[in-house]
Amino acid sequence: MSIEELRQQASESAEEDEVDFTSASSSRLPAKVRFLGMTPFQTCIVAALLLLITCLLSTFCLLATGKVALPFL
């Protein structure tokens, strides 16, 4: 093969591989992807409540095992 034939093959394959970028944007995920069907505000509230529950349970665990003593008791 000569260099000219390789160039011609490369240019032909480049023309075949061209991508239409207008159709690629339509294949994206929908704009409203929700976690467990909740809105972002509801997800934030659930996350805050989980943090609060975790803090309370860990505090009660420390008090129950005697690792921390309350100063006013």
PDB file of N, CA and C in Angstrom:
ATOM      1  N   MET A   1       0.839  -1.188   0.000  1.00  0.00           N
ATOM      2  CA  MET A   1       0.000   0.000   0.000  1.00  0.00           C
ATOM      3  C   MET A   1       0.877   1.241   0.000  1.00  0.00           C
ATOM      4  N   SER A   2       0.410   2.177  -0.749  1.00  0.00           N
ATOM      5  CA  SER A   2       1.161   3.427  -0.786  1.00  0.00           C
ATOM      6  C   SER A   2       0.570   4.409   0.221  1.00  0.00           C
ATOM      7  N   ILE A   3       1.292   5.461   0.428  1.00  0.00           N
ATOM      8  CA  ILE A   3       0.859   6.474   1.383  1.00  0.00           C
ATOM      9  C   ILE A   3      -0.434   7.140   0.920  1.00  0.00           C
ATOM     10  N   GLU A   4      -0.580   7.326  -0.371  1.00  0.00           N
ATOM     11  CA  GLU A   4      -1.799   7.951  -0.897  1.00  0.00           C
ATOM     12  C   GLU A   4      -3.029   7.082  -0.628  1.00  0.00           C
ATOM     13  N   GLU A   5      -2.879   5.773  -0.771  1.00  0.00           N
ATOM     14  CA  GLU A   5      -4.005   4.881  -0.493  1.00  0.00           C
ATOM     15  C   GLU A   5      -4.380   4.923   0.983  1.00  0.00           C
ATOM     16  N   LEU A   6      -3.387   4.976   1.863  1.00  0.00           N
ATOM     17  CA  LEU A   6      -3.660   5.070   3.301  1.00  0.00           C
ATOM     18  C   LEU A   6      -4.371   6.374   3.643  1.00  0.00           C
ATOM     19  N   ARG A   7      -3.949   7.466   3.030  1.00  0.00           N
ATOM     20  CA  ARG A   7      -4.608   8.758   3.268  1.00  0.00           C
ATOM     21  C   ARG A   7      -6.056   8.721   2.797  1.00  0.00           C
ATOM     22  N   GLN A   8      -6.274   8.089   1.653  1.00  0.00           N
ATOM     23  CA  GLN A   8      -7.630   8.011   1.108  1.00  0.00           C
ATOM     24  C   GLN A   8      -8.517   7.162   2.019  1.00  0.00           C
ATOM     25  N   GLN A   9      -7.995   6.047   2.514  1.00  0.00           N
ATOM     26  CA  GLN A   9      -8.762   5.214   3.417  1.00  0.00           C
ATOM     27  C   GLN A   9      -9.071   5.944   4.722  1.00  0.00           C
ATOM     28  N   ALA A  10      -8.104   6.693   5.220  1.00  0.00           N
ATOM     29  CA  ALA A  10      -8.302   7.439   6.462  1.00  0.00           C
ATOM     30  C   ALA A  10      -9.349   8.521   6.288  1.00  0.00           C
ATOM     31  N   SER A  11      -9.332   9.213   5.162  1.00  0.00           N
ATOM     32  CA  SER A  11     -10.322  10.262   4.936  1.00  0.00           C
ATOM     33  C   SER A  11     -11.713   9.670   4.736  1.00  0.00           C
ATOM     34  N   GLU A  12     -11.814   8.495   4.096  1.00  0.00           N
ATOM     35  CA  GLU A  12     -13.107   7.846   3.924  1.00  0.00           C
ATOM     36  C   GLU A  12     -13.672   7.371   5.258  1.00  0.00           C
ATOM     37  N   SER A  13     -12.832   6.799   6.100  1.00  0.00           N
ATOM     38  CA  SER A  13     -13.315   6.326   7.397  1.00  0.00           C
ATOM     39  C   SER A  13     -13.678   7.495   8.310  1.00  0.00           C
ATOM     40  N   ALA A  14     -12.985   8.634   8.160  1.00  0.00           N
ATOM     41  CA  ALA A  14     -13.318   9.810   8.954  1.00  0.00           C
ATOM     42  C   ALA A  14     -14.675  10.360   8.549  1.00  0.00           C
ATOM     43  N   GLU A  15     -14.986  10.314   7.272  1.00  0.00           N
ATOM     44  CA  GLU A  15     -16.287  10.791   6.818  1.00  0.00           C
ATOM     45  C   GLU A  15     -17.403   9.890   7.307  1.00  0.00           C
ATOM     46  N   GLU A  16     -17.154   8.586   7.398  1.00  0.00           N
ATOM     47  CA  GLU A  16     -18.167   7.649   7.870  1.00  0.00           C
ATOM     48  C   GLU A  16     -18.397   7.781   9.367  1.00  0.00           C
ATOM     49  N   ASP A  17     -17.371   8.169  10.107  1.00  0.00           N
ATOM     50  CA  ASP A  17     -17.448   8.225  11.561  1.00  0.00           C
ATOM     51  C   ASP A  17     -17.955   9.555  12.098  1.00  0.00           C
ATOM     52  N   GLU A  18     -18.363  10.463  11.236  1.00  0.00           N
ATOM     53  CA  GLU A  18     -18.850  11.746  11.722  1.00  0.00           C
ATOM     54  C   GLU A  18     -20.107  11.543  12.549  1.00  0.00           C
ATOM     55  N   VAL A  19     -20.190  12.278  13.653  1.00  0.00           N
ATOM     56  CA  VAL A  19     -21.302  12.132  14.579  1.00  0.00           C
ATOM     57  C   VAL A  19     -22.174  13.375  14.504  1.00  0.00           C
ATOM     58  N   ASP A  20     -23.472  13.147  14.514  1.00  0.00           N
ATOM     59  CA  ASP A  20     -24.423  14.250  14.537  1.00  0.00           C
ATOM     60  C   ASP A  20     -24.661  14.631  15.992  1.00  0.00           C
ATOM     61  N   PHE A  21     -24.121  15.766  16.428  1.00  0.00           N
ATOM     62  CA  PHE A  21     -24.201  16.155  17.827  1.00  0.00           C
ATOM     63  C   PHE A  21     -25.588  16.650  18.221  1.00  0.00           C
ATOM     64  N   THR A  22     -26.431  16.968  17.284  1.00  0.00           N
ATOM     65  CA  THR A  22     -27.779  17.409  17.641  1.00  0.00           C
ATOM     66  C   THR A  22     -28.616  16.246  18.153  1.00  0.00           C
ATOM     67  N   SER A  23     -28.398  15.044  17.628  1.00  0.00           N
ATOM     68  CA  SER A  23     -29.167  13.898  18.103  1.00  0.00           C
ATOM     69  C   SER A  23     -28.618  13.348  19.411  1.00  0.00           C
ATOM     70  N   ALA A  24     -27.356  13.607  19.722  1.00  0.00           N
ATOM     71  CA  ALA A  24     -26.758  13.109  20.960  1.00  0.00           C
ATOM     72  C   ALA A  24     -27.358  13.798  22.180  1.00  0.00           C
ATOM     73  N   SER A  25     -27.761  15.042  22.044  1.00  0.00           N
ATOM     74  CA  SER A  25     -28.337  15.748  23.184  1.00  0.00           C
ATOM     75  C   SER A  25     -29.722  15.229  23.523  1.00  0.00           C
ATOM     76  N   SER A  26     -30.416  14.660  22.569  1.00  0.00           N
ATOM     77  CA  SER A  26     -31.752  14.151  22.845  1.00  0.00           C
ATOM     78  C   SER A  26     -31.711  12.810  23.559  1.00  0.00           C
ATOM     79  N   SER A  27     -30.574  12.126  23.558  1.00  0.00           N
ATOM     80  CA  SER A  27     -30.475  10.825  24.207  1.00  0.00           C
ATOM     81  C   SER A  27     -30.036  10.928  25.663  1.00  0.00           C
ATOM     82  N   ARG A  28     -29.899  12.132  26.181  1.00  0.00           N
ATOM     83  CA  ARG A  28     -29.517  12.303  27.578  1.00  0.00           C
ATOM     84  C   ARG A  28     -30.660  11.897  28.500  1.00  0.00           C
ATOM     85  N   LEU A  29     -30.333  11.759  29.777  1.00  0.00           N
ATOM     86  CA  LEU A  29     -31.346  11.424  30.765  1.00  0.00           C
ATOM     87  C   LEU A  29     -32.352  12.571  30.890  1.00  0.00           C
ATOM     88  N   PRO A  30     -33.548  12.271  31.330  1.00  0.00           N
ATOM     89  CA  PRO A  30     -34.509  13.352  31.531  1.00  0.00           C
ATOM     90  C   PRO A  30     -34.025  14.320  32.607  1.00  0.00           C
ATOM     91  N   ALA A  31     -34.499  15.538  32.526  1.00  0.00           N
ATOM     92  CA  ALA A  31     -34.016  16.585  33.431  1.00  0.00           C
ATOM     93  C   ALA A  31     -34.437  16.324  34.878  1.00  0.00           C
ATOM     94  N   LYS A  32     -35.553  15.638  35.092  1.00  0.00           N
ATOM     95  CA  LYS A  32     -36.051  15.423  36.451  1.00  0.00           C
ATOM     96  C   LYS A  32     -35.781  13.995  36.898  1.00  0.00           C
ATOM     97  N   VAL A  33     -34.536  13.729  37.285  1.00  0.00           N
ATOM     98  CA  VAL A  33     -34.192  12.444  37.859  1.00  0.00           C
ATOM     99  C   VAL A  33     -34.292  12.605  39.363  1.00  0.00           C
ATOM    100  N   ARG A  34     -35.144  11.812  39.996  1.00  0.00           N
ATOM    101  CA  ARG A  34     -35.376  11.963  41.427  1.00  0.00           C
ATOM    102  C   ARG A  34     -34.884  10.748  42.183  1.00  0.00           C
ATOM    103  N   PHE A  35     -34.381  10.985  43.386  1.00  0.00           N
ATOM    104  CA  PHE A  35     -33.927   9.916  44.267  1.00  0.00           C
ATOM    105  C   PHE A  35     -35.122   9.401  45.047  1.00  0.00           C
ATOM    106  N   LEU A  36     -35.490   8.157  44.823  1.00  0.00           N
ATOM    107  CA  LEU A  36     -36.640   7.514  45.468  1.00  0.00           C
ATOM    108  C   LEU A  36     -37.932   8.288  45.253  1.00  0.00           C
ATOM    109  N   GLY A  37     -38.022   9.023  44.168  1.00  0.00           N
ATOM    110  CA  GLY A  37     -39.238   9.755  43.847  1.00  0.00           C
ATOM    111  C   GLY A  37     -39.449  11.016  44.661  1.00  0.00           C
ATOM    112  N   MET A  38     -38.431  11.462  45.373  1.00  0.00           N
ATOM    113  CA  MET A  38     -38.564  12.650  46.218  1.00  0.00           C
ATOM    114  C   MET A  38     -37.979  13.876  45.530  1.00  0.00           C
ATOM    115  N   THR A  39     -38.504  15.031  45.901  1.00  0.00           N
ATOM    116  CA  THR A  39     -37.944  16.288  45.421  1.00  0.00           C
ATOM    117  C   THR A  39     -36.637  16.544  46.170  1.00  0.00           C
ATOM    118  N   PRO A  40     -35.798  17.441  45.680  1.00  0.00           N
ATOM    119  CA  PRO A  40     -34.544  17.732  46.395  1.00  0.00           C
ATOM    120  C   PRO A  40     -34.768  18.237  47.825  1.00  0.00           C
ATOM    121  N   PHE A  41     -35.829  19.000  48.033  1.00  0.00           N
ATOM    122  CA  PHE A  41     -36.118  19.500  49.381  1.00  0.00           C
ATOM    123  C   PHE A  41     -36.463  18.347  50.320  1.00  0.00           C
ATOM    124  N   GLN A  42     -37.269  17.413  49.849  1.00  0.00           N
ATOM    125  CA  GLN A  42     -37.634  16.260  50.667  1.00  0.00           C
ATOM    126  C   GLN A  42     -36.413  15.396  50.960  1.00  0.00           C
ATOM    127  N   THR A  43     -35.529  15.240  49.986  1.00  0.00           N
ATOM    128  CA  THR A  43     -34.302  14.474  50.191  1.00  0.00           C
ATOM    129  C   THR A  43     -33.418  15.132  51.247  1.00  0.00           C
ATOM    130  N   CYS A  44     -33.354  16.458  51.240  1.00  0.00           N
ATOM    131  CA  CYS A  44     -32.568  17.189  52.234  1.00  0.00           C
ATOM    132  C   CYS A  44     -33.146  16.992  53.636  1.00  0.00           C
ATOM    133  N   ILE A  45     -34.465  17.026  53.756  1.00  0.00           N
ATOM    134  CA  ILE A  45     -35.112  16.822  55.053  1.00  0.00           C
ATOM    135  C   ILE A  45     -34.844  15.407  55.568  1.00  0.00           C
ATOM    136  N   VAL A  46     -34.946  14.409  54.695  1.00  0.00           N
ATOM    137  CA  VAL A  46     -34.672  13.025  55.097  1.00  0.00           C
ATOM    138  C   VAL A  46     -33.225  12.878  55.544  1.00  0.00           C
ATOM    139  N   ALA A  47     -32.293  13.505  54.841  1.00  0.00           N
ATOM    140  CA  ALA A  47     -30.884  13.431  55.222  1.00  0.00           C
ATOM    141  C   ALA A  47     -30.644  14.093  56.581  1.00  0.00           C
ATOM    142  N   ALA A  48     -31.293  15.230  56.825  1.00  0.00           N
ATOM    143  CA  ALA A  48     -31.149  15.915  58.116  1.00  0.00           C
ATOM    144  C   ALA A  48     -31.734  15.067  59.247  1.00  0.00           C
ATOM    145  N   LEU A  49     -32.866  14.434  59.008  1.00  0.00           N
ATOM    146  CA  LEU A  49     -33.471  13.584  60.034  1.00  0.00           C
ATOM    147  C   LEU A  49     -32.602  12.352  60.319  1.00  0.00           C
ATOM    148  N   LEU A  50     -32.015  11.773  59.281  1.00  0.00           N
ATOM    149  CA  LEU A  50     -31.108  10.643  59.496  1.00  0.00           C
ATOM    150  C   LEU A  50     -29.884  11.056  60.309  1.00  0.00           C
ATOM    151  N   LEU A  51     -29.361  12.242  60.057  1.00  0.00           N
ATOM    152  CA  LEU A  51     -28.237  12.753  60.840  1.00  0.00           C
ATOM    153  C   LEU A  51     -28.644  12.950  62.305  1.00  0.00           C
ATOM    154  N   LEU A  52     -29.820  13.505  62.533  1.00  0.00           N
ATOM    155  CA  LEU A  52     -30.312  13.736  63.892  1.00  0.00           C
ATOM    156  C   LEU A  52     -30.510  12.414  64.629  1.00  0.00           C
ATOM    157  N   ILE A  53     -31.104  11.443  63.974  1.00  0.00           N
ATOM    158  CA  ILE A  53     -31.326  10.138  64.597  1.00  0.00           C
ATOM    159  C   ILE A  53     -29.992   9.472  64.928  1.00  0.00           C
ATOM    160  N   THR A  54     -29.024   9.565  64.026  1.00  0.00           N
ATOM    161  CA  THR A  54     -27.708   8.971  64.266  1.00  0.00           C
ATOM    162  C   THR A  54     -27.027   9.623  65.462  1.00  0.00           C
ATOM    163  N   CYS A  55     -27.112  10.928  65.552  1.00  0.00           N
ATOM    164  CA  CYS A  55     -26.496  11.633  66.691  1.00  0.00           C
ATOM    165  C   CYS A  55     -27.168  11.252  68.008  1.00  0.00           C
ATOM    166  N   LEU A  56     -28.499  11.177  68.011  1.00  0.00           N
ATOM    167  CA  LEU A  56     -29.217  10.823  69.238  1.00  0.00           C
ATOM    168  C   LEU A  56     -28.905   9.389  69.668  1.00  0.00           C
ATOM    169  N   LEU A  57     -28.915   8.456  68.734  1.00  0.00           N
ATOM    170  CA  LEU A  57     -28.635   7.063  69.082  1.00  0.00           C
ATOM    171  C   LEU A  57     -27.201   6.878  69.576  1.00  0.00           C
ATOM    172  N   SER A  58     -26.261   7.566  68.968  1.00  0.00           N
ATOM    173  CA  SER A  58     -24.876   7.435  69.426  1.00  0.00           C
ATOM    174  C   SER A  58     -24.692   8.065  70.808  1.00  0.00           C
ATOM    175  N   THR A  59     -25.403   9.154  71.091  1.00  0.00           N
ATOM    176  CA  THR A  59     -25.342   9.782  72.416  1.00  0.00           C
ATOM    177  C   THR A  59     -25.927   8.848  73.474  1.00  0.00           C
ATOM    178  N   PHE A  60     -27.071   8.248  73.182  1.00  0.00           N
ATOM    179  CA  PHE A  60     -27.677   7.317  74.133  1.00  0.00           C
ATOM    180  C   PHE A  60     -26.793   6.092  74.354  1.00  0.00           C
ATOM    181  N   CYS A  61     -26.132   5.640  73.294  1.00  0.00           N
ATOM    182  CA  CYS A  61     -25.218   4.501  73.420  1.00  0.00           C
ATOM    183  C   CYS A  61     -24.033   4.849  74.322  1.00  0.00           C
ATOM    184  N   LEU A  62     -23.491   6.030  74.166  1.00  0.00           N
ATOM    185  CA  LEU A  62     -22.371   6.452  75.025  1.00  0.00           C
ATOM    186  C   LEU A  62     -22.818   6.599  76.472  1.00  0.00           C
ATOM    187  N   LEU A  63     -24.026   7.129  76.687  1.00  0.00           N
ATOM    188  CA  LEU A  63     -24.536   7.259  78.057  1.00  0.00           C
ATOM    189  C   LEU A  63     -24.814   5.895  78.666  1.00  0.00           C
ATOM    190  N   ALA A  64     -25.361   4.981  77.898  1.00  0.00           N
ATOM    191  CA  ALA A  64     -25.715   3.662  78.413  1.00  0.00           C
ATOM    192  C   ALA A  64     -24.463   2.837  78.767  1.00  0.00           C
ATOM    193  N   THR A  65     -23.412   2.978  78.024  1.00  0.00           N
ATOM    194  CA  THR A  65     -22.184   2.218  78.304  1.00  0.00           C
ATOM    195  C   THR A  65     -21.305   2.890  79.362  1.00  0.00           C
ATOM    196  N   GLY A  66     -21.640   4.113  79.749  1.00  0.00           N
ATOM    197  CA  GLY A  66     -20.881   4.791  80.792  1.00  0.00           C
ATOM    198  C   GLY A  66     -19.621   5.445  80.283  1.00  0.00           C
ATOM    199  N   LYS A  67     -19.454   5.582  78.998  1.00  0.00           N
ATOM    200  CA  LYS A  67     -18.258   6.231  78.439  1.00  0.00           C
ATOM    201  C   LYS A  67     -18.304   7.740  78.632  1.00  0.00           C
ATOM    202  N   VAL A  68     -19.501   8.278  78.771  1.00  0.00           N
ATOM    203  CA  VAL A  68     -19.686   9.724  78.965  1.00  0.00           C
ATOM    204  C   VAL A  68     -20.652   9.890  80.133  1.00  0.00           C
ATOM    205  N   ALA A  69     -20.329  10.786  81.032  1.00  0.00           N
ATOM    206  CA  ALA A  69     -21.208  11.057  82.159  1.00  0.00           C
ATOM    207  C   ALA A  69     -21.716  12.494  82.047  1.00  0.00           C
ATOM    208  N   LEU A  70     -22.982  12.670  82.287  1.00  0.00           N
ATOM    209  CA  LEU A  70     -23.560  14.008  82.264  1.00  0.00           C
ATOM    210  C   LEU A  70     -23.132  14.750  83.534  1.00  0.00           C
ATOM    211  N   PRO A  71     -22.672  15.978  83.411  1.00  0.00           N
ATOM    212  CA  PRO A  71     -22.150  16.700  84.587  1.00  0.00           C
ATOM    213  C   PRO A  71     -23.237  17.119  85.569  1.00  0.00           C
ATOM    214  N   PHE A  72     -24.480  17.225  85.135  1.00  0.00           N
ATOM    215  CA  PHE A  72     -25.537  17.707  86.017  1.00  0.00           C
ATOM    216  C   PHE A  72     -26.295  16.568  86.694  1.00  0.00           C
ATOM    217  N   LEU A  73     -25.887  15.333  86.479  1.00  0.00           N
ATOM    218  CA  LEU A  73     -26.552  14.201  87.154  1.00  0.00           C
ATOM    219  C   LEU A  73     -25.709  13.665  88.260  1.00  0.00           C
TER     220      LEU A  73
END
